[in-house]
Amino acid sequence: MASTDILFQPFTSPKLTLKNRIVMAPMTRNMAPGGVPGAANAAYYARRAAGEVGLILSEGTVVDRPASRNLPNIPFFHGQAALAGWGGVIEAVHATGGKMGPQIWHTGGTTADPSFERPALDTPSGLNKPDEVVGEPMSEEAIADSVAAFAKSALAARDLGFDTLELHGAHGYLIDQFFWPATNQRTDRWGGATIGERSRFAAEVVAAVREAVGPDFPILLRLSQWKQQDYAARLATTPAEMEAWLQPLADAGVDIFHASQRRFWEPEFPEVDGEQGLNFAGWAKKITGLPSISVGSVGLSSDFFSAFGGQSSAVSGLEPLIERMERGEFDLIAVGRVLLSDPQWAAKVKAGRIGELEEFNPSAMAELV
């Protein structure tokens, strides 16, 4: 197997320094009763930090809007009790020498559990996907309140001592629903025919967060082409469209783009640079000049969605990842499911104990291993 040294080189950017290039990807656990993380949640994250993960990104944590979460035990990132719980989490992670940021989220028009009752949903045009009406279009007041809620949670993250934060702008949730023409059919300033126009809501969120946390606190933004409502959806079909999408967000204050795709080795625009061309994170870095995080079935033989069908996934080789990172295509790699089953995954890779890596087991989805 090729040397894994590249994965364990320090990462340094103007606002964030990490001991290595491995990031724990955000993964919804729905295990915070009443929206409040406790000792079990803190220990869960601390185990991964102690296991040589360079940066922990939390599961999605929701902002202070009436219908911001779509499952009953998703954690809040607002309110005294929840924030006290998150204070315990970051204290536990820091005690291991780790670094962490919360992923700040609003689930928009999505429904994960139909039995979970919520008030009116926030969506750009009352749609969750084509032909699925879930409510009324957001009013100007609802939009302004949502922007402010993101900024309030971001400030709380900084004040609690987190090292960074990530805004969730991917996978068909609220911010992403403004990007996607299938769910954003507005004719006012929050809509538009181009992806650049439909980036206004996200840019306003980023700008409000930047104002709240100040100039020196690092802001990550997670984006995706695909949606849970449509795996084949594409917001940008050319590099020029991607620039129109990403550059306003960089200008608003994003420091690092977290470019989510189902399989990190797949090229984003093969018609431009071939079947071995840049992936999404590679294009994000090339277009904006900012560092990027790649993600998508790292170390596994099947993609993310198989986990929800109860399918195990065997360990696969890391050579394609190492090759892309050695040529500087992207800067950091987010690892998801393998860390659910094996908190020591990164430490084992670092020590060359590849034969000890555990395959992903869906049973890990049901507990905080």
Protein backbone atom coordinates (compact mmCIF):
# COMPACT_ATOMS: atom_id res chain seq x y z
CA MET A 1 0.00 0.00 0.00
CA ALA A 2 1.17 3.53 -0.74
CA SER A 3 2.46 5.69 2.10
CA THR A 4 -0.28 7.48 4.03
CA ASP A 5 2.06 10.25 5.21
CA ILE A 6 0.16 12.90 3.22
CA LEU A 7 -2.92 12.30 5.39
CA PHE A 8 -0.96 13.17 8.52
CA GLN A 9 0.80 16.31 7.39
CA PRO A 10 -0.27 19.43 9.31
CA PHE A 11 -2.81 21.71 7.67
CA THR A 12 -2.27 25.44 8.01
CA SER A 13 -4.49 28.19 6.69
CA PRO A 14 -4.80 31.82 7.78
CA LYS A 15 -7.50 31.01 10.34
CA LEU A 16 -7.28 27.28 11.07
CA THR A 17 -4.36 24.98 11.90
CA LEU A 18 -4.82 21.22 12.25
CA LYS A 19 -2.43 18.42 13.13
CA ASN A 20 -3.43 16.38 10.08
CA ARG A 21 -5.73 16.28 7.06
CA ILE A 22 -8.43 13.93 8.39
CA VAL A 23 -11.85 15.39 9.23
CA MET A 24 -14.74 13.58 10.87
CA ALA A 25 -17.68 14.16 8.55
CA PRO A 26 -20.96 15.39 10.04
CA MET A 27 -23.34 12.48 10.54
CA THR A 28 -26.85 12.77 11.95
CA ARG A 29 -27.23 10.62 15.06
CA ASN A 30 -30.61 11.79 16.43
CA MET A 31 -29.44 10.89 19.95
CA ALA A 32 -29.78 14.12 21.90
CA PRO A 33 -33.01 13.75 23.92
CA GLY A 34 -34.84 17.05 24.08
CA GLY A 35 -32.26 18.51 21.72
CA VAL A 36 -29.63 18.58 24.47
CA PRO A 37 -26.30 16.73 24.06
CA GLY A 38 -25.04 14.98 27.17
CA ALA A 39 -22.12 12.99 28.48
CA ALA A 40 -22.60 10.18 25.97
CA ASN A 41 -22.43 12.61 23.05
CA ALA A 42 -19.31 14.26 24.48
CA ALA A 43 -17.58 10.91 24.95
CA TYR A 44 -18.53 9.84 21.41
CA TYR A 45 -16.78 12.84 19.86
CA ALA A 46 -13.84 12.73 22.25
CA ARG A 47 -13.11 9.12 21.25
CA ARG A 48 -12.66 10.16 17.63
CA ALA A 49 -10.50 13.13 18.58
CA ALA A 50 -8.33 10.86 20.73
CA GLY A 51 -8.14 8.49 17.76
CA GLU A 52 -6.11 10.98 15.69
CA VAL A 53 -8.90 12.74 13.77
CA GLY A 54 -7.56 16.21 12.99
CA LEU A 55 -10.91 18.02 13.00
CA ILE A 56 -14.27 16.86 14.30
CA LEU A 57 -17.35 18.26 12.59
CA SER A 58 -20.45 17.59 14.65
CA GLU A 59 -23.70 16.16 13.44
CA GLY A 60 -26.08 18.80 12.17
CA THR A 61 -27.25 21.07 14.99
CA VAL A 62 -30.26 23.23 14.33
CA VAL A 63 -30.88 26.97 14.57
CA ASP A 64 -33.63 28.69 16.51
CA ARG A 65 -36.54 28.39 14.09
CA PRO A 66 -39.82 26.59 14.86
CA ALA A 67 -39.37 23.78 12.31
CA SER A 68 -35.59 23.70 11.91
CA ARG A 69 -35.20 19.97 12.65
CA ASN A 70 -36.92 16.98 11.06
CA LEU A 71 -36.30 14.37 13.79
CA PRO A 72 -37.13 14.67 17.49
CA ASN A 73 -33.66 14.07 18.95
CA ILE A 74 -31.53 16.18 16.66
CA PRO A 75 -29.56 18.57 18.89
CA PHE A 76 -30.27 22.28 19.13
CA PHE A 77 -27.52 24.87 18.89
CA HIS A 78 -29.52 27.42 20.80
CA GLY A 79 -31.02 27.71 24.25
CA GLN A 80 -29.27 27.53 27.60
CA ALA A 81 -29.51 23.77 28.16
CA ALA A 82 -28.33 22.74 24.69
CA LEU A 83 -25.48 25.22 24.64
CA ALA A 84 -24.35 24.05 28.06
CA GLY A 85 -24.33 20.52 26.66
CA TRP A 86 -22.23 21.61 23.70
CA GLY A 87 -19.87 23.30 26.13
CA GLY A 88 -19.31 19.89 27.67
CA VAL A 89 -18.67 18.39 24.23
CA ILE A 90 -15.98 20.86 23.23
CA GLU A 91 -14.38 20.61 26.66
CA ALA A 92 -14.12 16.83 26.24
CA VAL A 93 -12.69 17.12 22.71
CA HIS A 94 -10.15 19.74 23.76
CA ALA A 95 -9.08 17.54 26.69
CA THR A 96 -7.80 15.00 24.11
CA GLY A 97 -5.94 17.68 22.16
CA GLY A 98 -8.56 17.63 19.42
CA LYS A 99 -10.28 20.40 17.49
CA MET A 100 -13.96 20.67 16.62
CA GLY A 101 -16.65 22.75 14.97
CA PRO A 102 -20.43 22.36 15.08
CA GLN A 103 -22.33 21.97 11.84
CA ILE A 104 -25.11 24.56 11.93
CA TRP A 105 -28.22 23.47 10.11
CA HIS A 106 -31.84 24.03 9.12
CA THR A 107 -33.59 21.04 7.55
CA GLY A 108 -35.95 23.18 5.44
CA GLY A 109 -38.84 21.32 3.85
CA THR A 110 -37.48 17.81 4.35
CA THR A 111 -39.32 15.21 6.41
CA ALA A 112 -37.36 12.35 7.97
CA ASP A 113 -40.10 11.06 10.26
CA PRO A 114 -43.72 11.75 9.22
CA SER A 115 -44.89 11.14 12.80
CA PHE A 116 -42.75 14.02 14.09
CA GLU A 117 -45.13 16.96 14.14
CA ARG A 118 -43.79 20.41 13.30
CA PRO A 119 -45.24 23.85 12.67
CA ALA A 120 -45.12 25.48 9.24
CA LEU A 121 -41.98 24.52 7.33
CA ASP A 122 -39.44 27.01 6.04
CA THR A 123 -38.92 26.61 2.28
CA PRO A 124 -38.17 29.12 -0.48
CA SER A 125 -41.32 28.36 -2.50
CA GLY A 126 -43.31 25.94 -0.36
CA LEU A 127 -41.75 22.97 -2.17
CA ASN A 128 -39.56 20.15 -0.90
CA LYS A 129 -39.02 18.78 -4.40
CA PRO A 130 -40.86 19.04 -7.71
CA ASP A 131 -44.60 18.57 -7.21
CA GLU A 132 -44.26 18.11 -3.44
CA VAL A 133 -45.90 21.10 -1.76
CA VAL A 134 -45.16 21.23 1.96
CA GLY A 135 -46.21 24.76 2.87
CA GLU A 136 -46.16 28.38 1.85
CA PRO A 137 -43.16 30.32 0.50
CA MET A 138 -41.11 31.96 3.22
CA SER A 139 -41.97 35.58 3.91
CA GLU A 140 -39.36 38.32 4.06
CA GLU A 141 -39.72 38.22 7.84
CA ALA A 142 -39.12 34.45 7.95
CA ILE A 143 -36.07 34.82 5.74
CA ALA A 144 -34.63 37.60 7.90
CA ASP A 145 -35.30 35.61 11.07
CA SER A 146 -33.61 32.55 9.60
CA VAL A 147 -30.51 34.50 8.60
CA ALA A 148 -30.36 35.96 12.11
CA ALA A 149 -30.78 32.50 13.66
CA PHE A 150 -27.75 31.18 11.80
CA ALA A 151 -25.70 34.14 13.00
CA LYS A 152 -26.86 33.67 16.59
CA SER A 153 -25.82 30.02 16.63
CA ALA A 154 -22.49 30.87 15.02
CA LEU A 155 -21.73 33.42 17.72
CA ALA A 156 -22.58 30.84 20.36
CA ALA A 157 -20.10 28.42 18.78
CA ARG A 158 -17.33 30.97 18.95
CA ASP A 159 -18.17 31.95 22.51
CA LEU A 160 -18.23 28.32 23.68
CA GLY A 161 -14.67 27.89 22.46
CA PHE A 162 -15.15 25.84 19.31
CA ASP A 163 -12.30 26.03 16.82
CA THR A 164 -14.45 26.59 13.75
CA LEU A 165 -18.02 26.08 12.50
CA GLU A 166 -19.62 24.67 9.41
CA LEU A 167 -22.78 25.91 7.73
CA HIS A 168 -24.83 23.11 6.13
CA GLY A 169 -25.69 24.27 2.63
CA ALA A 170 -26.00 20.86 1.01
CA HIS A 171 -28.16 17.75 0.48
CA GLY A 172 -31.53 19.39 -0.12
CA TYR A 173 -31.92 21.21 3.21
CA LEU A 174 -32.93 24.86 3.61
CA ILE A 175 -29.90 26.70 2.25
CA ASP A 176 -29.63 24.19 -0.59
CA GLN A 177 -33.31 24.55 -1.40
CA PHE A 178 -32.61 28.20 -2.23
CA PHE A 179 -29.84 27.10 -4.62
CA TRP A 180 -31.94 24.48 -6.41
CA PRO A 181 -34.29 25.73 -9.15
CA ALA A 182 -36.64 22.81 -8.49
CA THR A 183 -37.41 24.23 -5.03
CA ASN A 184 -36.65 27.92 -5.52
CA GLN A 185 -39.17 29.34 -7.95
CA ARG A 186 -39.31 32.79 -6.40
CA THR A 187 -39.47 35.86 -8.60
CA ASP A 188 -38.20 38.30 -5.98
CA ARG A 189 -34.59 39.01 -4.98
CA TRP A 190 -34.27 35.57 -3.35
CA GLY A 191 -34.87 33.72 -6.61
CA GLY A 192 -33.63 33.98 -10.16
CA ALA A 193 -32.81 32.10 -13.33
CA THR A 194 -29.12 31.62 -12.51
CA ILE A 195 -27.29 29.86 -9.71
CA GLY A 196 -25.54 33.14 -8.92
CA GLU A 197 -28.87 34.81 -8.26
CA ARG A 198 -30.13 31.91 -6.18
CA SER A 199 -26.99 32.09 -4.04
CA ARG A 200 -28.22 35.30 -2.43
CA PHE A 201 -29.77 33.63 0.64
CA ALA A 202 -26.63 31.61 1.35
CA ALA A 203 -24.45 34.67 0.86
CA GLU A 204 -26.61 36.63 3.29
CA VAL A 205 -26.29 33.82 5.85
CA VAL A 206 -22.52 33.71 5.44
CA ALA A 207 -22.21 37.49 5.68
CA ALA A 208 -24.34 37.59 8.84
CA VAL A 209 -22.27 34.80 10.38
CA ARG A 210 -19.05 36.59 9.46
CA GLU A 211 -20.28 39.78 11.10
CA ALA A 212 -21.27 37.85 14.23
CA VAL A 213 -18.04 35.90 14.72
CA GLY A 214 -15.59 38.54 13.53
CA PRO A 215 -12.86 38.46 10.90
CA ASP A 216 -10.60 35.80 12.41
CA PHE A 217 -12.94 32.89 13.16
CA PRO A 218 -12.92 30.24 10.38
CA ILE A 219 -16.18 29.55 8.53
CA LEU A 220 -16.68 26.31 6.59
CA LEU A 221 -19.53 25.81 4.15
CA ARG A 222 -20.74 22.39 3.03
CA LEU A 223 -22.21 22.22 -0.47
CA SER A 224 -23.36 19.48 -2.80
CA GLN A 225 -24.68 19.06 -6.30
CA TRP A 226 -26.87 16.07 -5.36
CA LYS A 227 -29.95 16.27 -3.15
CA GLN A 228 -31.58 13.59 -1.03
CA GLN A 229 -34.65 14.38 -3.15
CA ASP A 230 -32.72 13.84 -6.40
CA TYR A 231 -29.33 12.13 -6.43
CA ALA A 232 -28.72 13.23 -10.02
CA ALA A 233 -29.39 16.94 -9.45
CA ARG A 234 -26.71 19.39 -10.58
CA LEU A 235 -26.58 23.06 -9.68
CA ALA A 236 -23.53 23.81 -11.81
CA THR A 237 -23.04 21.98 -15.10
CA THR A 238 -19.92 23.88 -16.15
CA PRO A 239 -16.93 25.42 -14.36
CA ALA A 240 -18.31 28.88 -15.21
CA GLU A 241 -21.58 28.08 -13.47
CA MET A 242 -19.66 26.73 -10.49
CA GLU A 243 -17.72 29.98 -10.27
CA ALA A 244 -20.99 31.95 -10.35
CA TRP A 245 -22.19 29.75 -7.46
CA LEU A 246 -19.10 29.68 -5.26
CA GLN A 247 -17.46 33.07 -5.72
CA PRO A 248 -20.24 35.12 -4.06
CA LEU A 249 -20.03 32.77 -1.08
CA ALA A 250 -16.27 33.17 -0.86
CA ASP A 251 -16.69 36.93 -1.10
CA ALA A 252 -19.26 36.84 1.72
CA GLY A 253 -16.78 35.22 4.10
CA VAL A 254 -16.36 31.46 3.56
CA ASP A 255 -12.84 30.29 4.42
CA ILE A 256 -13.03 26.60 3.44
CA PHE A 257 -15.45 24.80 1.13
CA HIS A 258 -16.59 21.30 2.10
CA ALA A 259 -17.57 19.80 -1.24
CA SER A 260 -19.82 16.79 -0.74
CA GLN A 261 -20.16 14.08 -3.36
CA ARG A 262 -21.22 10.47 -3.12
CA ARG A 263 -17.85 9.10 -4.31
CA PHE A 264 -14.80 11.34 -3.90
CA TRP A 265 -12.94 9.76 -6.84
CA GLU A 266 -15.49 10.78 -9.46
CA PRO A 267 -14.57 13.77 -11.67
CA GLU A 268 -16.90 16.74 -11.54
CA PHE A 269 -16.53 17.82 -15.17
CA PRO A 270 -15.02 14.87 -17.08
CA GLU A 271 -15.92 16.56 -20.35
CA VAL A 272 -13.42 19.30 -19.41
CA ASP A 273 -10.48 17.43 -17.88
CA GLY A 274 -11.19 13.74 -18.42
CA GLU A 275 -12.12 10.73 -16.35
CA GLN A 276 -9.24 11.35 -13.95
CA GLY A 277 -10.06 15.04 -13.67
CA LEU A 278 -10.70 17.18 -10.64
CA ASN A 279 -13.49 16.22 -8.29
CA PHE A 280 -15.91 18.74 -6.75
CA ALA A 281 -13.48 19.78 -4.01
CA GLY A 282 -10.73 20.12 -6.59
CA TRP A 283 -12.79 22.49 -8.70
CA ALA A 284 -13.88 24.47 -5.61
CA LYS A 285 -10.22 25.01 -4.72
CA LYS A 286 -9.24 25.86 -8.31
CA ILE A 287 -12.08 28.33 -8.80
CA THR A 288 -11.92 30.20 -5.49
CA GLY A 289 -8.31 29.72 -4.43
CA LEU A 290 -9.57 28.66 -1.00
CA PRO A 291 -8.79 25.38 0.78
CA SER A 292 -11.30 22.60 0.28
CA ILE A 293 -12.46 19.41 1.96
CA SER A 294 -13.45 16.38 -0.09
CA VAL A 295 -15.75 13.61 1.10
CA GLY A 296 -17.56 10.58 -0.25
CA SER A 297 -17.24 6.88 0.65
CA VAL A 298 -13.65 7.13 1.88
CA GLY A 299 -12.17 3.72 2.70
CA LEU A 300 -15.37 1.88 1.79
CA SER A 301 -16.58 -0.34 -1.01
CA SER A 302 -20.05 1.21 -1.25
CA ASP A 303 -21.45 4.71 -1.12
CA PHE A 304 -23.24 6.54 1.65
CA PHE A 305 -26.79 5.54 0.80
CA SER A 306 -26.20 1.83 1.31
CA ALA A 307 -25.97 2.52 5.05
CA PHE A 308 -29.67 3.33 5.16
CA GLY A 309 -30.51 0.01 3.59
CA GLY A 310 -28.68 -1.87 6.32
CA GLN A 311 -25.80 -2.81 4.02
CA SER A 312 -22.35 -3.39 5.49
CA SER A 313 -19.37 -2.04 3.60
CA ALA A 314 -15.93 -3.61 3.41
CA VAL A 315 -12.72 -1.65 3.78
CA SER A 316 -11.32 -0.50 0.44
CA GLY A 317 -7.92 0.84 -0.54
CA LEU A 318 -6.81 4.41 0.11
CA GLU A 319 -4.52 4.70 -2.91
CA PRO A 320 -6.89 6.88 -5.02
CA LEU A 321 -7.28 9.27 -2.10
CA ILE A 322 -3.55 9.46 -1.45
CA GLU A 323 -2.85 10.10 -5.12
CA ARG A 324 -5.29 13.01 -5.29
CA MET A 325 -4.05 14.56 -2.06
CA GLU A 326 -0.39 14.25 -3.05
CA ARG A 327 -1.07 16.26 -6.19
CA GLY A 328 -2.79 18.96 -4.11
CA GLU A 329 -6.24 18.56 -5.61
CA PHE A 330 -7.85 19.31 -2.24
CA ASP A 331 -6.52 19.93 1.26
CA LEU A 332 -8.57 17.85 3.71
CA ILE A 333 -10.57 14.64 3.53
CA ALA A 334 -13.73 14.02 5.53
CA VAL A 335 -14.31 10.47 6.71
CA GLY A 336 -17.78 9.32 7.72
CA ARG A 337 -19.15 5.83 8.19
CA VAL A 338 -15.88 4.07 8.94
CA LEU A 339 -15.54 6.30 12.01
CA LEU A 340 -18.96 5.21 13.27
CA SER A 341 -17.82 1.62 13.60
CA ASP A 342 -14.13 2.26 14.31
CA PRO A 343 -13.24 5.34 16.43
CA GLN A 344 -9.57 4.39 16.07
CA TRP A 345 -9.65 4.33 12.26
CA ALA A 346 -7.32 7.31 11.79
CA ALA A 347 -4.88 6.10 14.44
CA LYS A 348 -4.73 2.68 12.78
CA VAL A 349 -4.07 4.22 9.37
CA LYS A 350 -1.33 6.42 10.84
CA ALA A 351 0.35 3.42 12.46
CA GLY A 352 0.10 1.32 9.30
CA ARG A 353 -2.31 -1.13 10.97
CA ILE A 354 -4.40 -1.41 7.83
CA GLY A 355 -5.30 -5.03 8.50
CA GLU A 356 -7.02 -3.96 11.73
CA LEU A 357 -9.41 -1.51 10.08
CA GLU A 358 -13.02 -2.46 10.70
CA GLU A 359 -15.63 -2.45 7.98
CA PHE A 360 -18.72 -0.30 8.44
CA ASN A 361 -21.51 -2.10 10.25
CA PRO A 362 -25.02 -0.56 10.12
CA SER A 363 -25.51 -1.50 13.77
CA ALA A 364 -23.27 1.44 14.61
CA MET A 365 -26.05 3.74 13.38
CA ALA A 366 -28.15 2.74 16.39
CA GLU A 367 -25.70 3.63 19.16
CA LEU A 368 -22.92 6.01 20.09
CA VAL A 369 -20.00 3.62 19.78
